[in-house]
Amino acid sequence: MEQPLELLLTACQSKDPFSVVAVDPKTCVACWSYKGCVEAVGSHGDLLLLVVKDQPLAHIVAVNRRDRFHVKSLLTKPLRCVAVTKDGAVIFGCSESRIFCWMVASGSLVSVIEAHYQEILCLSLSSDDGLLISGAADGTVNVYVVPE
């Protein structure tokens, strides 16, 4: 039986090269690097959501050796914040006044909602992942039902 891959992931919010680095702790060799911010997603944390600071790009990368894939989404503006369901199946992100929804398993962008009149400042899921809450610069708060 193959040993599970262990990687040490270091990350910081920076536009500098190598601001996200994955290192094999047994060999101390960097096996992967990226310029941007990272969030582990997926049912076992085996996928990474990567965004480059001040760049309108979002990447979903599978780090499992057997099932590697990379999905790149080009946005109109950079993502400001993200929310991920507890099971890691769905990612919500906001940019300007829009909310984007990605299905992690396929990496596909499934919807874009024009949610507010002004820029969205925060995005959160309820404790049971049944509601998505967004707050905007104009003080409005919207609540959306998240279908199963």
N, C-alpha and C. Protein backbone atom coordinates (compact mmCIF):
# COMPACT_ATOMS: atom_id res chain seq x y z
N MET A 1 0.84 -1.18 0.00
CA MET A 1 0.00 0.00 0.00
C MET A 1 0.89 1.24 0.00
N GLU A 2 0.57 2.17 -0.88
CA GLU A 2 1.35 3.38 -1.01
C GLU A 2 1.10 4.31 0.17
N GLN A 3 2.18 4.87 0.71
CA GLN A 3 2.08 5.82 1.81
C GLN A 3 1.38 7.09 1.31
N PRO A 4 0.54 7.72 2.13
CA PRO A 4 -0.07 8.97 1.71
C PRO A 4 1.00 10.05 1.56
N LEU A 5 0.81 10.88 0.57
CA LEU A 5 1.74 11.96 0.31
C LEU A 5 1.58 13.02 1.38
N GLU A 6 2.68 13.37 2.05
CA GLU A 6 2.66 14.44 3.02
C GLU A 6 3.46 15.59 2.47
N LEU A 7 2.88 16.77 2.50
CA LEU A 7 3.56 17.97 2.06
C LEU A 7 3.38 19.05 3.11
N LEU A 8 4.40 19.84 3.28
CA LEU A 8 4.32 21.01 4.14
C LEU A 8 4.01 22.19 3.23
N LEU A 9 2.89 22.84 3.46
CA LEU A 9 2.46 23.95 2.61
C LEU A 9 2.67 25.25 3.37
N THR A 10 3.46 26.14 2.81
CA THR A 10 3.66 27.46 3.41
C THR A 10 3.11 28.50 2.44
N ALA A 11 2.46 29.51 2.99
CA ALA A 11 1.85 30.53 2.14
C ALA A 11 1.80 31.86 2.85
N CYS A 12 1.83 32.92 2.06
CA CYS A 12 1.65 34.27 2.59
C CYS A 12 0.93 35.11 1.54
N GLN A 13 0.35 36.22 1.96
CA GLN A 13 -0.34 37.11 1.03
C GLN A 13 0.69 38.04 0.41
N SER A 14 1.14 37.70 -0.76
CA SER A 14 2.17 38.47 -1.42
C SER A 14 2.11 38.23 -2.91
N LYS A 15 2.59 39.19 -3.69
CA LYS A 15 2.70 39.01 -5.13
C LYS A 15 4.09 38.48 -5.49
N ASP A 16 4.92 38.26 -4.48
CA ASP A 16 6.28 37.79 -4.72
C ASP A 16 6.27 36.37 -5.27
N PRO A 17 7.27 36.04 -6.11
CA PRO A 17 7.39 34.65 -6.56
C PRO A 17 7.60 33.73 -5.36
N PHE A 18 7.10 32.52 -5.45
CA PHE A 18 7.25 31.50 -4.42
C PHE A 18 6.60 31.89 -3.09
N SER A 19 5.49 32.65 -3.14
CA SER A 19 4.79 32.98 -1.90
C SER A 19 3.97 31.80 -1.38
N VAL A 20 3.73 30.80 -2.22
CA VAL A 20 3.11 29.55 -1.82
C VAL A 20 4.04 28.43 -2.26
N VAL A 21 4.52 27.64 -1.30
CA VAL A 21 5.48 26.58 -1.61
C VAL A 21 5.06 25.30 -0.90
N ALA A 22 5.10 24.18 -1.62
CA ALA A 22 4.86 22.86 -1.04
C ALA A 22 6.21 22.15 -0.96
N VAL A 23 6.55 21.67 0.24
CA VAL A 23 7.84 21.04 0.49
C VAL A 23 7.62 19.63 1.01
N ASP A 24 8.36 18.67 0.48
CA ASP A 24 8.35 17.30 0.99
C ASP A 24 9.17 17.30 2.28
N PRO A 25 8.56 17.06 3.46
CA PRO A 25 9.31 17.15 4.72
C PRO A 25 10.38 16.07 4.87
N LYS A 26 10.26 14.98 4.12
CA LYS A 26 11.26 13.91 4.22
C LYS A 26 12.55 14.26 3.49
N THR A 27 12.40 14.96 2.36
CA THR A 27 13.58 15.29 1.56
C THR A 27 13.95 16.77 1.63
N CYS A 28 13.06 17.59 2.21
CA CYS A 28 13.25 19.05 2.28
C CYS A 28 13.38 19.69 0.91
N VAL A 29 12.74 19.09 -0.08
CA VAL A 29 12.78 19.61 -1.44
C VAL A 29 11.43 20.24 -1.76
N ALA A 30 11.47 21.45 -2.31
CA ALA A 30 10.24 22.11 -2.76
C ALA A 30 9.78 21.41 -4.03
N CYS A 31 8.56 20.88 -4.00
CA CYS A 31 8.06 20.15 -5.17
C CYS A 31 7.03 20.95 -5.95
N TRP A 32 6.63 22.10 -5.43
CA TRP A 32 5.62 22.89 -6.11
C TRP A 32 5.64 24.30 -5.54
N SER A 33 5.46 25.31 -6.38
CA SER A 33 5.39 26.69 -5.89
C SER A 33 4.42 27.49 -6.73
N TYR A 34 3.94 28.59 -6.14
CA TYR A 34 2.97 29.42 -6.82
C TYR A 34 3.03 30.82 -6.25
N LYS A 35 2.70 31.80 -7.08
CA LYS A 35 2.68 33.19 -6.65
C LYS A 35 1.23 33.58 -6.37
N GLY A 36 0.81 33.60 -5.11
CA GLY A 36 -0.55 33.97 -4.77
C GLY A 36 -0.96 33.50 -3.40
N CYS A 37 -2.27 33.52 -3.12
CA CYS A 37 -2.83 33.07 -1.84
C CYS A 37 -3.50 31.72 -2.05
N VAL A 38 -3.57 30.91 -1.00
CA VAL A 38 -4.05 29.54 -1.15
C VAL A 38 -5.03 29.18 -0.04
N GLU A 39 -6.00 28.33 -0.37
CA GLU A 39 -6.96 27.78 0.60
C GLU A 39 -7.18 26.32 0.25
N ALA A 40 -7.02 25.42 1.23
CA ALA A 40 -7.27 24.00 0.99
C ALA A 40 -8.77 23.77 0.92
N VAL A 41 -9.22 23.05 -0.10
CA VAL A 41 -10.64 22.73 -0.27
C VAL A 41 -10.77 21.27 -0.67
N GLY A 42 -11.98 20.84 -0.90
CA GLY A 42 -12.22 19.44 -1.26
C GLY A 42 -12.56 18.65 -0.03
N SER A 43 -13.10 17.48 -0.22
CA SER A 43 -13.57 16.67 0.91
C SER A 43 -12.44 16.24 1.83
N HIS A 44 -11.22 16.12 1.32
CA HIS A 44 -10.08 15.72 2.15
C HIS A 44 -8.98 16.76 2.12
N GLY A 45 -9.28 17.98 1.69
CA GLY A 45 -8.26 19.01 1.59
C GLY A 45 -7.25 18.73 0.50
N ASP A 46 -7.63 17.89 -0.47
CA ASP A 46 -6.70 17.49 -1.52
C ASP A 46 -6.74 18.40 -2.74
N LEU A 47 -7.50 19.48 -2.64
CA LEU A 47 -7.55 20.49 -3.70
C LEU A 47 -7.15 21.83 -3.10
N LEU A 48 -6.57 22.67 -3.92
CA LEU A 48 -6.19 24.00 -3.48
C LEU A 48 -6.92 25.04 -4.32
N LEU A 49 -7.45 26.05 -3.66
CA LEU A 49 -7.97 27.22 -4.34
C LEU A 49 -6.88 28.26 -4.26
N LEU A 50 -6.43 28.73 -5.41
CA LEU A 50 -5.34 29.70 -5.47
C LEU A 50 -5.82 30.97 -6.14
N VAL A 51 -5.51 32.08 -5.52
CA VAL A 51 -5.78 33.38 -6.14
C VAL A 51 -4.52 34.22 -6.05
N VAL A 52 -4.27 34.98 -7.08
CA VAL A 52 -3.11 35.87 -7.11
C VAL A 52 -3.58 37.24 -6.66
N LYS A 53 -2.90 37.79 -5.68
CA LYS A 53 -3.29 39.08 -5.13
C LYS A 53 -3.35 40.13 -6.24
N ASP A 54 -4.45 40.86 -6.27
CA ASP A 54 -4.67 41.94 -7.24
C ASP A 54 -4.73 41.47 -8.69
N GLN A 55 -4.93 40.17 -8.92
CA GLN A 55 -5.06 39.64 -10.27
C GLN A 55 -6.43 38.97 -10.41
N PRO A 56 -7.09 39.10 -11.56
CA PRO A 56 -8.43 38.52 -11.73
C PRO A 56 -8.40 37.05 -12.14
N LEU A 57 -7.68 36.24 -11.38
CA LEU A 57 -7.56 34.81 -11.68
C LEU A 57 -7.89 33.99 -10.45
N ALA A 58 -8.53 32.85 -10.66
CA ALA A 58 -8.75 31.87 -9.60
C ALA A 58 -8.40 30.50 -10.19
N HIS A 59 -7.64 29.72 -9.44
CA HIS A 59 -7.22 28.40 -9.88
C HIS A 59 -7.70 27.36 -8.88
N ILE A 60 -8.15 26.22 -9.37
CA ILE A 60 -8.39 25.05 -8.53
C ILE A 60 -7.41 23.99 -9.00
N VAL A 61 -6.57 23.53 -8.07
CA VAL A 61 -5.51 22.58 -8.41
C VAL A 61 -5.65 21.35 -7.53
N ALA A 62 -5.67 20.17 -8.14
CA ALA A 62 -5.66 18.91 -7.38
C ALA A 62 -4.22 18.54 -7.10
N VAL A 63 -3.90 18.25 -5.84
CA VAL A 63 -2.53 17.92 -5.48
C VAL A 63 -2.31 16.43 -5.31
N ASN A 64 -3.36 15.64 -5.44
CA ASN A 64 -3.23 14.19 -5.36
C ASN A 64 -2.43 13.71 -6.56
N ARG A 65 -1.45 12.87 -6.34
CA ARG A 65 -0.57 12.41 -7.42
C ARG A 65 -1.32 11.69 -8.53
N ARG A 66 -2.37 10.96 -8.19
CA ARG A 66 -3.09 10.16 -9.19
C ARG A 66 -4.09 10.98 -9.99
N ASP A 67 -4.71 11.94 -9.38
CA ASP A 67 -5.81 12.65 -10.03
C ASP A 67 -5.52 14.14 -10.18
N ARG A 68 -4.35 14.49 -10.64
CA ARG A 68 -4.00 15.91 -10.77
C ARG A 68 -4.78 16.57 -11.89
N PHE A 69 -5.28 17.76 -11.60
CA PHE A 69 -5.88 18.60 -12.64
C PHE A 69 -5.75 20.05 -12.21
N HIS A 70 -5.95 20.94 -13.15
CA HIS A 70 -5.84 22.37 -12.91
C HIS A 70 -6.93 23.06 -13.71
N VAL A 71 -7.77 23.82 -13.02
CA VAL A 71 -8.83 24.59 -13.68
C VAL A 71 -8.57 26.06 -13.39
N LYS A 72 -8.55 26.86 -14.44
CA LYS A 72 -8.27 28.28 -14.30
C LYS A 72 -9.52 29.07 -14.68
N SER A 73 -9.94 29.99 -13.80
CA SER A 73 -11.08 30.86 -14.09
C SER A 73 -10.60 32.29 -14.20
N LEU A 74 -10.90 32.92 -15.32
CA LEU A 74 -10.56 34.31 -15.53
C LEU A 74 -11.76 35.16 -15.13
N LEU A 75 -11.54 36.08 -14.20
CA LEU A 75 -12.61 36.93 -13.69
C LEU A 75 -12.43 38.35 -14.20
N THR A 76 -13.43 39.19 -14.00
CA THR A 76 -13.31 40.58 -14.43
C THR A 76 -12.46 41.39 -13.45
N LYS A 77 -12.50 41.05 -12.18
CA LYS A 77 -11.73 41.72 -11.13
C LYS A 77 -11.25 40.66 -10.14
N PRO A 78 -10.25 40.96 -9.30
CA PRO A 78 -9.77 39.99 -8.31
C PRO A 78 -10.85 39.61 -7.29
N LEU A 79 -10.76 38.38 -6.77
CA LEU A 79 -11.66 37.94 -5.70
C LEU A 79 -11.31 38.68 -4.42
N ARG A 80 -12.33 39.10 -3.69
CA ARG A 80 -12.11 39.78 -2.42
C ARG A 80 -12.16 38.80 -1.25
N CYS A 81 -13.11 37.87 -1.29
CA CYS A 81 -13.21 36.87 -0.22
C CYS A 81 -13.88 35.61 -0.76
N VAL A 82 -13.69 34.51 -0.03
CA VAL A 82 -14.26 33.22 -0.43
C VAL A 82 -14.91 32.55 0.77
N ALA A 83 -15.83 31.63 0.47
CA ALA A 83 -16.45 30.77 1.48
C ALA A 83 -16.55 29.38 0.86
N VAL A 84 -16.23 28.37 1.66
CA VAL A 84 -16.22 26.99 1.18
C VAL A 84 -17.12 26.15 2.07
N THR A 85 -17.96 25.30 1.46
CA THR A 85 -18.81 24.41 2.26
C THR A 85 -17.95 23.45 3.07
N LYS A 86 -18.49 22.96 4.18
CA LYS A 86 -17.72 22.07 5.07
C LYS A 86 -17.21 20.82 4.38
N ASP A 87 -18.00 20.28 3.45
CA ASP A 87 -17.56 19.08 2.74
C ASP A 87 -16.61 19.40 1.59
N GLY A 88 -16.37 20.69 1.37
CA GLY A 88 -15.43 21.11 0.34
C GLY A 88 -15.94 20.97 -1.07
N ALA A 89 -17.23 20.76 -1.23
CA ALA A 89 -17.79 20.51 -2.56
C ALA A 89 -18.07 21.77 -3.36
N VAL A 90 -18.33 22.89 -2.67
CA VAL A 90 -18.72 24.12 -3.35
C VAL A 90 -17.90 25.29 -2.82
N ILE A 91 -17.44 26.14 -3.73
CA ILE A 91 -16.70 27.35 -3.37
C ILE A 91 -17.51 28.56 -3.85
N PHE A 92 -17.67 29.53 -2.96
CA PHE A 92 -18.28 30.81 -3.32
C PHE A 92 -17.19 31.87 -3.20
N GLY A 93 -17.14 32.76 -4.14
CA GLY A 93 -16.18 33.86 -4.09
C GLY A 93 -16.86 35.13 -4.55
N CYS A 94 -16.37 36.28 -4.08
CA CYS A 94 -16.99 37.53 -4.52
C CYS A 94 -15.95 38.47 -5.10
N SER A 95 -16.39 39.20 -6.09
CA SER A 95 -15.58 40.19 -6.78
C SER A 95 -16.52 41.33 -7.16
N GLU A 96 -16.18 42.52 -6.74
CA GLU A 96 -17.04 43.69 -6.91
C GLU A 96 -18.41 43.39 -6.32
N SER A 97 -19.46 43.44 -7.12
CA SER A 97 -20.81 43.22 -6.60
C SER A 97 -21.35 41.83 -6.97
N ARG A 98 -20.47 40.96 -7.46
CA ARG A 98 -20.90 39.63 -7.93
C ARG A 98 -20.43 38.51 -6.99
N ILE A 99 -21.25 37.45 -6.93
CA ILE A 99 -20.87 36.23 -6.23
C ILE A 99 -20.73 35.13 -7.28
N PHE A 100 -19.60 34.42 -7.23
CA PHE A 100 -19.31 33.32 -8.14
C PHE A 100 -19.44 32.01 -7.37
N CYS A 101 -19.89 30.96 -8.04
CA CYS A 101 -20.06 29.65 -7.41
C CYS A 101 -19.38 28.59 -8.28
N TRP A 102 -18.43 27.84 -7.68
CA TRP A 102 -17.72 26.77 -8.38
C TRP A 102 -18.04 25.43 -7.73
N MET A 103 -18.21 24.39 -8.54
CA MET A 103 -18.30 23.02 -8.06
C MET A 103 -16.88 22.48 -8.05
N VAL A 104 -16.39 22.06 -6.91
CA VAL A 104 -15.00 21.65 -6.77
C VAL A 104 -14.69 20.39 -7.55
N ALA A 105 -15.58 19.41 -7.54
CA ALA A 105 -15.31 18.12 -8.20
C ALA A 105 -14.98 18.29 -9.68
N SER A 106 -15.70 19.18 -10.34
CA SER A 106 -15.46 19.39 -11.77
C SER A 106 -14.62 20.62 -12.04
N GLY A 107 -14.53 21.51 -11.04
CA GLY A 107 -13.81 22.76 -11.23
C GLY A 107 -14.58 23.77 -12.04
N SER A 108 -15.83 23.48 -12.35
CA SER A 108 -16.59 24.36 -13.24
C SER A 108 -17.29 25.49 -12.47
N LEU A 109 -17.31 26.64 -13.10
CA LEU A 109 -18.04 27.78 -12.59
C LEU A 109 -19.51 27.56 -12.96
N VAL A 110 -20.37 27.41 -11.95
CA VAL A 110 -21.76 27.06 -12.23
C VAL A 110 -22.72 28.25 -12.20
N SER A 111 -22.35 29.32 -11.51
CA SER A 111 -23.22 30.49 -11.53
C SER A 111 -22.48 31.76 -11.13
N VAL A 112 -23.01 32.86 -11.61
CA VAL A 112 -22.55 34.20 -11.24
C VAL A 112 -23.80 35.00 -10.90
N ILE A 113 -23.82 35.56 -9.70
CA ILE A 113 -24.99 36.32 -9.24
C ILE A 113 -24.59 37.78 -9.10
N GLU A 114 -25.36 38.66 -9.69
CA GLU A 114 -25.20 40.10 -9.45
C GLU A 114 -25.91 40.36 -8.13
N ALA A 115 -25.16 40.36 -7.02
CA ALA A 115 -25.75 40.27 -5.69
C ALA A 115 -26.04 41.61 -5.02
N HIS A 116 -25.24 42.62 -5.28
CA HIS A 116 -25.38 43.92 -4.60
C HIS A 116 -25.17 45.05 -5.59
N TYR A 117 -25.50 46.26 -5.15
CA TYR A 117 -25.25 47.44 -5.97
C TYR A 117 -23.84 47.97 -5.77
N GLN A 118 -23.27 47.76 -4.58
CA GLN A 118 -21.90 48.18 -4.31
C GLN A 118 -21.04 46.97 -4.01
N GLU A 119 -19.75 47.21 -3.80
CA GLU A 119 -18.78 46.12 -3.62
C GLU A 119 -19.11 45.26 -2.41
N ILE A 120 -18.99 43.95 -2.59
CA ILE A 120 -19.20 42.99 -1.50
C ILE A 120 -17.93 42.97 -0.64
N LEU A 121 -18.11 43.11 0.67
CA LEU A 121 -16.98 43.16 1.59
C LEU A 121 -16.79 41.87 2.37
N CYS A 122 -17.85 41.08 2.55
CA CYS A 122 -17.72 39.83 3.30
C CYS A 122 -18.70 38.79 2.77
N LEU A 123 -18.31 37.55 2.96
CA LEU A 123 -19.07 36.41 2.47
C LEU A 123 -18.92 35.30 3.49
N SER A 124 -20.03 34.68 3.89
CA SER A 124 -19.95 33.63 4.90
C SER A 124 -21.08 32.62 4.69
N LEU A 125 -20.82 31.39 5.13
CA LEU A 125 -21.83 30.33 5.11
C LEU A 125 -22.34 30.10 6.52
N SER A 126 -23.62 29.74 6.65
CA SER A 126 -24.17 29.39 7.96
C SER A 126 -23.52 28.10 8.45
N SER A 127 -23.73 27.78 9.72
CA SER A 127 -23.08 26.61 10.32
C SER A 127 -23.48 25.29 9.65
N ASP A 128 -24.68 25.25 9.05
CA ASP A 128 -25.11 24.02 8.36
C ASP A 128 -24.92 24.10 6.84
N ASP A 129 -24.24 25.13 6.37
CA ASP A 129 -23.99 25.37 4.93
C ASP A 129 -25.27 25.58 4.14
N GLY A 130 -26.39 25.83 4.80
CA GLY A 130 -27.66 26.00 4.10
C GLY A 130 -27.92 27.42 3.62
N LEU A 131 -27.18 28.38 4.18
CA LEU A 131 -27.37 29.78 3.81
C LEU A 131 -26.03 30.43 3.48
N LEU A 132 -26.03 31.26 2.46
CA LEU A 132 -24.86 32.07 2.10
C LEU A 132 -25.22 33.52 2.41
N ILE A 133 -24.38 34.19 3.20
CA ILE A 133 -24.64 35.56 3.61
C ILE A 133 -23.57 36.46 3.01
N SER A 134 -24.01 37.57 2.40
CA SER A 134 -23.06 38.54 1.84
C SER A 134 -23.38 39.92 2.38
N GLY A 135 -22.32 40.69 2.63
CA GLY A 135 -22.47 42.06 3.11
C GLY A 135 -21.71 43.00 2.19
N ALA A 136 -22.32 44.15 1.89
CA ALA A 136 -21.73 45.08 0.92
C ALA A 136 -21.38 46.42 1.56
N ALA A 137 -20.66 47.23 0.80
CA ALA A 137 -20.18 48.53 1.27
C ALA A 137 -21.32 49.49 1.61
N ASP A 138 -22.48 49.31 1.00
CA ASP A 138 -23.62 50.19 1.27
C ASP A 138 -24.41 49.78 2.51
N GLY A 139 -23.94 48.75 3.22
CA GLY A 139 -24.60 48.32 4.46
C GLY A 139 -25.66 47.25 4.26
N THR A 140 -25.91 46.85 3.03
CA THR A 140 -26.92 45.82 2.80
C THR A 140 -26.35 44.43 3.07
N VAL A 141 -27.21 43.56 3.56
CA VAL A 141 -26.85 42.17 3.80
C VAL A 141 -27.87 41.32 3.05
N ASN A 142 -27.38 40.40 2.24
CA ASN A 142 -28.26 39.48 1.51
C ASN A 142 -28.04 38.07 2.02
N VAL A 143 -29.11 37.28 2.06
CA VAL A 143 -29.04 35.89 2.49
C VAL A 143 -29.62 35.04 1.37
N TYR A 144 -28.87 34.02 0.95
CA TYR A 144 -29.28 33.14 -0.13
C TYR A 144 -29.37 31.71 0.39
N VAL A 145 -30.38 30.98 -0.05
CA VAL A 145 -30.50 29.56 0.28
C VAL A 145 -29.55 28.80 -0.63
N VAL A 146 -28.72 27.93 -0.05
CA VAL A 146 -27.79 27.11 -0.81
C VAL A 146 -28.45 25.75 -1.03
N PRO A 147 -28.79 25.39 -2.27
CA PRO A 147 -29.42 24.09 -2.51
C PRO A 147 -28.44 22.95 -2.25
N GLU A 148 -28.97 21.79 -1.88
CA GLU A 148 -28.11 20.63 -1.59
C GLU A 148 -27.55 20.05 -2.85
